[in-house]
């Protein structure tokens, strides 16, 4: 499940972005990752963006 929009992955394993924040793995769908790529690359917690 996408930690940002709640989209559920179906079928084969998705090519989603994984981020570890405060020791917890969080997954983001392709659309959410694309919309927030600069914040992800800057290692900002998803709560910020």
C-alpha atoms as a PDB file:
ATOM      1  CA  UNK A   1       0.000   0.000   0.000  1.00  0.00           C
ATOM      2  CA  UNK A   2       1.299   3.477  -0.870  1.00  0.00           C
ATOM      3  CA  UNK A   3       2.126   5.427   2.286  1.00  0.00           C
ATOM      4  CA  UNK A   4       1.100   8.690   0.601  1.00  0.00           C
ATOM      5  CA  UNK A   5      -2.132   8.082  -1.350  1.00  0.00           C
ATOM      6  CA  UNK A   6      -3.200   4.643  -0.082  1.00  0.00           C
ATOM      7  CA  UNK A   7      -3.117   2.923  -3.499  1.00  0.00           C
ATOM      8  CA  UNK A   8      -2.970  -0.856  -3.172  1.00  0.00           C
ATOM      9  CA  UNK A   9      -0.500  -2.843  -5.284  1.00  0.00           C
ATOM     10  CA  UNK A  10      -2.093  -5.650  -7.250  1.00  0.00           C
ATOM     11  CA  UNK A  11      -0.560  -8.566  -9.139  1.00  0.00           C
ATOM     12  CA  UNK A  12       3.201  -8.768  -9.519  1.00  0.00           C
ATOM     13  CA  UNK A  13       5.456  -6.846  -7.114  1.00  0.00           C
ATOM     14  CA  UNK A  14       5.344  -3.157  -8.084  1.00  0.00           C
ATOM     15  CA  UNK A  15       8.314  -0.977  -8.970  1.00  0.00           C
ATOM     16  CA  UNK A  16       7.565   1.438  -6.173  1.00  0.00           C
ATOM     17  CA  UNK A  17       9.983   3.621  -4.233  1.00  0.00           C
ATOM     18  CA  UNK A  18      10.949   2.449  -0.759  1.00  0.00           C
ATOM     19  CA  UNK A  19      12.047   4.875   1.943  1.00  0.00           C
ATOM     20  CA  UNK A  20      13.183   4.117   5.489  1.00  0.00           C
ATOM     21  CA  UNK A  21      11.997   6.820   7.884  1.00  0.00           C
ATOM     22  CA  UNK A  22      12.708   6.504  11.595  1.00  0.00           C
ATOM     23  CA  UNK A  23      13.461   2.814  11.115  1.00  0.00           C
ATOM     24  CA  UNK A  24      10.158   2.112   9.306  1.00  0.00           C
ATOM     25  CA  UNK A  25       9.932   1.106   5.631  1.00  0.00           C
ATOM     26  CA  UNK A  26       7.468   3.217   3.667  1.00  0.00           C
ATOM     27  CA  UNK A  27       6.490   2.498   0.065  1.00  0.00           C
ATOM     28  CA  UNK A  28       5.337   5.096  -2.465  1.00  0.00           C
ATOM     29  CA  UNK A  29       3.580   4.371  -5.766  1.00  0.00           C
ATOM     30  CA  UNK A  30       5.071   5.607  -9.031  1.00  0.00           C
ATOM     31  CA  UNK A  31       2.758   8.652  -9.203  1.00  0.00           C
ATOM     32  CA  UNK A  32       3.523   9.838  -5.650  1.00  0.00           C
ATOM     33  CA  UNK A  33       7.247   9.225  -6.137  1.00  0.00           C
ATOM     34  CA  UNK A  34       7.250  11.243  -9.393  1.00  0.00           C
ATOM     35  CA  UNK A  35       5.324  14.117  -7.776  1.00  0.00           C
ATOM     36  CA  UNK A  36       7.795  14.309  -4.883  1.00  0.00           C
ATOM     37  CA  UNK A  37      11.097  13.147  -6.396  1.00  0.00           C
ATOM     38  CA  UNK A  38      13.100  16.203  -5.287  1.00  0.00           C
ATOM     39  CA  UNK A  39      12.009  15.798  -1.666  1.00  0.00           C
ATOM     40  CA  UNK A  40      12.788  12.067  -1.816  1.00  0.00           C
ATOM     41  CA  UNK A  41      16.259  12.693  -3.274  1.00  0.00           C
ATOM     42  CA  UNK A  42      16.822  15.342  -0.588  1.00  0.00           C
ATOM     43  CA  UNK A  43      16.026  12.653   2.002  1.00  0.00           C
ATOM     44  CA  UNK A  44      13.196  14.688   3.509  1.00  0.00           C
ATOM     45  CA  UNK A  45      10.699  12.700   5.576  1.00  0.00           C
ATOM     46  CA  UNK A  46       7.393  12.171   3.783  1.00  0.00           C
ATOM     47  CA  UNK A  47       5.620  14.092   6.549  1.00  0.00           C
ATOM     48  CA  UNK A  48       7.419  17.200   5.266  1.00  0.00           C
ATOM     49  CA  UNK A  49       6.203  16.819   1.670  1.00  0.00           C
END
